[in-house]
Amino acid sequence: YIVDEAEPLDKVIPVDAYIPGCPPKPEAIIDGVVKLINKVSSNKGKKK
């Protein structure tokens, strides 16, 4: 199986947060994790 061109990840699976940079700075990773924690906390008790 050979892939000539990779598709963006968000075209393959659902993505909840984007962290910019290649490689991302530690601050960007922390910011992304904090945003995910806030998103999960605000969705507790809600049904999909």
PDB file of N, CA and C in Angstrom:
ATOM      1  N   TYR A   1       0.851  -1.172   0.000  1.00  0.00           N
ATOM      2  CA  TYR A   1       0.000   0.000   0.000  1.00  0.00           C
ATOM      3  C   TYR A   1       0.890   1.226   0.000  1.00  0.00           C
ATOM      4  N   ILE A   2       0.829   1.994  -1.068  1.00  0.00           N
ATOM      5  CA  ILE A   2       1.659   3.189  -1.199  1.00  0.00           C
ATOM      6  C   ILE A   2       0.750   4.414  -1.290  1.00  0.00           C
ATOM      7  N   VAL A   3       1.080   5.417  -0.504  1.00  0.00           N
ATOM      8  CA  VAL A   3       0.311   6.656  -0.519  1.00  0.00           C
ATOM      9  C   VAL A   3       1.152   7.731  -1.193  1.00  0.00           C
ATOM     10  N   ASP A   4       0.634   8.268  -2.293  1.00  0.00           N
ATOM     11  CA  ASP A   4       1.357   9.333  -2.984  1.00  0.00           C
ATOM     12  C   ASP A   4       1.202  10.670  -2.275  1.00  0.00           C
ATOM     13  N   GLU A   5       0.021  10.891  -1.765  1.00  0.00           N
ATOM     14  CA  GLU A   5      -0.249  12.167  -1.118  1.00  0.00           C
ATOM     15  C   GLU A   5      -1.155  11.933   0.082  1.00  0.00           C
ATOM     16  N   ALA A   6      -0.754  12.449   1.217  1.00  0.00           N
ATOM     17  CA  ALA A   6      -1.540  12.263   2.438  1.00  0.00           C
ATOM     18  C   ALA A   6      -2.704  13.245   2.455  1.00  0.00           C
ATOM     19  N   GLU A   7      -3.854  12.755   2.899  1.00  0.00           N
ATOM     20  CA  GLU A   7      -5.019  13.612   3.078  1.00  0.00           C
ATOM     21  C   GLU A   7      -4.931  14.287   4.434  1.00  0.00           C
ATOM     22  N   PRO A   8      -5.498  15.475   4.564  1.00  0.00           N
ATOM     23  CA  PRO A   8      -5.552  16.086   5.898  1.00  0.00           C
ATOM     24  C   PRO A   8      -6.312  15.175   6.857  1.00  0.00           C
ATOM     25  N   LEU A   9      -5.842  15.105   8.082  1.00  0.00           N
ATOM     26  CA  LEU A   9      -6.421  14.199   9.066  1.00  0.00           C
ATOM     27  C   LEU A   9      -7.904  14.446   9.269  1.00  0.00           C
ATOM     28  N   ASP A  10      -8.320  15.732   9.240  1.00  0.00           N
ATOM     29  CA  ASP A  10      -9.730  16.033   9.474  1.00  0.00           C
ATOM     30  C   ASP A  10     -10.633  15.579   8.333  1.00  0.00           C
ATOM     31  N   LYS A  11     -10.060  15.132   7.244  1.00  0.00           N
ATOM     32  CA  LYS A  11     -10.849  14.552   6.151  1.00  0.00           C
ATOM     33  C   LYS A  11     -11.048  13.053   6.361  1.00  0.00           C
ATOM     34  N   VAL A  12     -10.257  12.460   7.264  1.00  0.00           N
ATOM     35  CA  VAL A  12     -10.299  11.021   7.515  1.00  0.00           C
ATOM     36  C   VAL A  12     -11.075  10.703   8.791  1.00  0.00           C
ATOM     37  N   ILE A  13     -10.806  11.459   9.860  1.00  0.00           N
ATOM     38  CA  ILE A  13     -11.481  11.259  11.147  1.00  0.00           C
ATOM     39  C   ILE A  13     -11.896  12.616  11.715  1.00  0.00           C
ATOM     40  N   PRO A  14     -12.894  12.634  12.599  1.00  0.00           N
ATOM     41  CA  PRO A  14     -13.278  13.907  13.219  1.00  0.00           C
ATOM     42  C   PRO A  14     -12.147  14.452  14.099  1.00  0.00           C
ATOM     43  N   VAL A  15     -11.925  15.750  14.016  1.00  0.00           N
ATOM     44  CA  VAL A  15     -10.878  16.408  14.795  1.00  0.00           C
ATOM     45  C   VAL A  15     -11.536  17.459  15.684  1.00  0.00           C
ATOM     46  N   ASP A  16     -11.234  17.434  16.973  1.00  0.00           N
ATOM     47  CA  ASP A  16     -11.831  18.369  17.927  1.00  0.00           C
ATOM     48  C   ASP A  16     -10.976  19.600  18.178  1.00  0.00           C
ATOM     49  N   ALA A  17      -9.689  19.530  17.894  1.00  0.00           N
ATOM     50  CA  ALA A  17      -8.814  20.673  18.148  1.00  0.00           C
ATOM     51  C   ALA A  17      -7.647  20.652  17.166  1.00  0.00           C
ATOM     52  N   TYR A  18      -7.234  21.828  16.786  1.00  0.00           N
ATOM     53  CA  TYR A  18      -6.075  21.979  15.920  1.00  0.00           C
ATOM     54  C   TYR A  18      -4.975  22.666  16.713  1.00  0.00           C
ATOM     55  N   ILE A  19      -3.774  22.142  16.611  1.00  0.00           N
ATOM     56  CA  ILE A  19      -2.620  22.745  17.280  1.00  0.00           C
ATOM     57  C   ILE A  19      -1.641  23.154  16.180  1.00  0.00           C
ATOM     58  N   PRO A  20      -1.430  24.475  16.032  1.00  0.00           N
ATOM     59  CA  PRO A  20      -0.570  24.939  14.947  1.00  0.00           C
ATOM     60  C   PRO A  20       0.911  24.699  15.224  1.00  0.00           C
ATOM     61  N   GLY A  21       1.665  24.642  14.142  1.00  0.00           N
ATOM     62  CA  GLY A  21       3.117  24.539  14.253  1.00  0.00           C
ATOM     63  C   GLY A  21       3.642  23.198  13.812  1.00  0.00           C
ATOM     64  N   CYS A  22       4.871  23.222  13.320  1.00  0.00           N
ATOM     65  CA  CYS A  22       5.507  21.989  12.887  1.00  0.00           C
ATOM     66  C   CYS A  22       7.002  22.113  13.186  1.00  0.00           C
ATOM     67  N   PRO A  23       7.415  21.682  14.337  1.00  0.00           N
ATOM     68  CA  PRO A  23       6.647  21.108  15.447  1.00  0.00           C
ATOM     69  C   PRO A  23       5.949  22.218  16.239  1.00  0.00           C
ATOM     70  N   PRO A  24       4.863  21.886  16.912  1.00  0.00           N
ATOM     71  CA  PRO A  24       4.182  22.906  17.709  1.00  0.00           C
ATOM     72  C   PRO A  24       5.005  23.294  18.934  1.00  0.00           C
ATOM     73  N   LYS A  25       4.878  24.549  19.328  1.00  0.00           N
ATOM     74  CA  LYS A  25       5.554  25.015  20.543  1.00  0.00           C
ATOM     75  C   LYS A  25       4.831  24.432  21.752  1.00  0.00           C
ATOM     76  N   PRO A  26       5.540  24.230  22.855  1.00  0.00           N
ATOM     77  CA  PRO A  26       4.890  23.698  24.063  1.00  0.00           C
ATOM     78  C   PRO A  26       3.669  24.517  24.486  1.00  0.00           C
ATOM     79  N   GLU A  27       3.755  25.843  24.323  1.00  0.00           N
ATOM     80  CA  GLU A  27       2.625  26.703  24.692  1.00  0.00           C
ATOM     81  C   GLU A  27       1.395  26.391  23.847  1.00  0.00           C
ATOM     82  N   ALA A  28       1.599  26.081  22.568  1.00  0.00           N
ATOM     83  CA  ALA A  28       0.483  25.756  21.683  1.00  0.00           C
ATOM     84  C   ALA A  28      -0.161  24.432  22.092  1.00  0.00           C
ATOM     85  N   ILE A  29       0.656  23.471  22.501  1.00  0.00           N
ATOM     86  CA  ILE A  29       0.123  22.179  22.956  1.00  0.00           C
ATOM     87  C   ILE A  29      -0.694  22.378  24.228  1.00  0.00           C
ATOM     88  N   ILE A  30      -0.158  23.145  25.164  1.00  0.00           N
ATOM     89  CA  ILE A  30      -0.879  23.411  26.417  1.00  0.00           C
ATOM     90  C   ILE A  30      -2.197  24.116  26.120  1.00  0.00           C
ATOM     91  N   ASP A  31      -2.174  25.108  25.245  1.00  0.00           N
ATOM     92  CA  ASP A  31      -3.390  25.838  24.884  1.00  0.00           C
ATOM     93  C   ASP A  31      -4.425  24.895  24.272  1.00  0.00           C
ATOM     94  N   GLY A  32      -3.993  23.999  23.401  1.00  0.00           N
ATOM     95  CA  GLY A  32      -4.908  23.039  22.794  1.00  0.00           C
ATOM     96  C   GLY A  32      -5.517  22.093  23.814  1.00  0.00           C
ATOM     97  N   VAL A  33      -4.714  21.622  24.747  1.00  0.00           N
ATOM     98  CA  VAL A  33      -5.209  20.713  25.787  1.00  0.00           C
ATOM     99  C   VAL A  33      -6.210  21.435  26.688  1.00  0.00           C
ATOM    100  N   VAL A  34      -5.910  22.678  27.050  1.00  0.00           N
ATOM    101  CA  VAL A  34      -6.831  23.454  27.893  1.00  0.00           C
ATOM    102  C   VAL A  34      -8.165  23.654  27.171  1.00  0.00           C
ATOM    103  N   LYS A  35      -8.116  23.958  25.880  1.00  0.00           N
ATOM    104  CA  LYS A  35      -9.356  24.134  25.112  1.00  0.00           C
ATOM    105  C   LYS A  35     -10.156  22.835  25.072  1.00  0.00           C
ATOM    106  N   LEU A  36      -9.481  21.702  24.910  1.00  0.00           N
ATOM    107  CA  LEU A  36     -10.182  20.412  24.905  1.00  0.00           C
ATOM    108  C   LEU A  36     -10.807  20.112  26.263  1.00  0.00           C
ATOM    109  N   ILE A  37     -10.082  20.398  27.333  1.00  0.00           N
ATOM    110  CA  ILE A  37     -10.620  20.180  28.684  1.00  0.00           C
ATOM    111  C   ILE A  37     -11.872  21.027  28.881  1.00  0.00           C
ATOM    112  N   ASN A  38     -11.821  22.288  28.474  1.00  0.00           N
ATOM    113  CA  ASN A  38     -12.984  23.161  28.601  1.00  0.00           C
ATOM    114  C   ASN A  38     -14.152  22.662  27.759  1.00  0.00           C
ATOM    115  N   LYS A  39     -13.859  22.156  26.572  1.00  0.00           N
ATOM    116  CA  LYS A  39     -14.915  21.635  25.699  1.00  0.00           C
ATOM    117  C   LYS A  39     -15.567  20.407  26.329  1.00  0.00           C
ATOM    118  N   VAL A  40     -14.768  19.507  26.862  1.00  0.00           N
ATOM    119  CA  VAL A  40     -15.295  18.299  27.502  1.00  0.00           C
ATOM    120  C   VAL A  40     -16.099  18.674  28.742  1.00  0.00           C
ATOM    121  N   SER A  41     -15.584  19.605  29.536  1.00  0.00           N
ATOM    122  CA  SER A  41     -16.275  20.023  30.758  1.00  0.00           C
ATOM    123  C   SER A  41     -17.622  20.660  30.446  1.00  0.00           C
ATOM    124  N   SER A  42     -17.687  21.450  29.379  1.00  0.00           N
ATOM    125  CA  SER A  42     -18.942  22.117  29.035  1.00  0.00           C
ATOM    126  C   SER A  42     -19.949  21.158  28.410  1.00  0.00           C
ATOM    127  N   ASN A  43     -19.489  20.016  27.909  1.00  0.00           N
ATOM    128  CA  ASN A  43     -20.385  19.039  27.285  1.00  0.00           C
ATOM    129  C   ASN A  43     -20.844  17.947  28.240  1.00  0.00           C
ATOM    130  N   LYS A  44     -20.359  17.946  29.477  1.00  0.00           N
ATOM    131  CA  LYS A  44     -20.781  16.914  30.432  1.00  0.00           C
ATOM    132  C   LYS A  44     -22.272  17.037  30.682  1.00  0.00           C
ATOM    133  N   GLY A  45     -22.951  15.909  30.643  1.00  0.00           N
ATOM    134  CA  GLY A  45     -24.380  15.883  30.900  1.00  0.00           C
ATOM    135  C   GLY A  45     -25.225  16.138  29.670  1.00  0.00           C
ATOM    136  N   LYS A  46     -24.595  16.526  28.565  1.00  0.00           N
ATOM    137  CA  LYS A  46     -25.341  16.747  27.324  1.00  0.00           C
ATOM    138  C   LYS A  46     -25.328  15.473  26.503  1.00  0.00           C
ATOM    139  N   LYS A  47     -26.437  15.189  25.848  1.00  0.00           N
ATOM    140  CA  LYS A  47     -26.495  14.029  24.960  1.00  0.00           C
ATOM    141  C   LYS A  47     -26.138  14.461  23.556  1.00  0.00           C
ATOM    142  N   LYS A  48     -25.553  13.542  22.809  1.00  0.00           N
ATOM    143  CA  LYS A  48     -25.180  13.830  21.421  1.00  0.00           C
ATOM    144  C   LYS A  48     -26.382  13.801  20.522  1.00  0.00           C
TER     145      LYS A  48
END
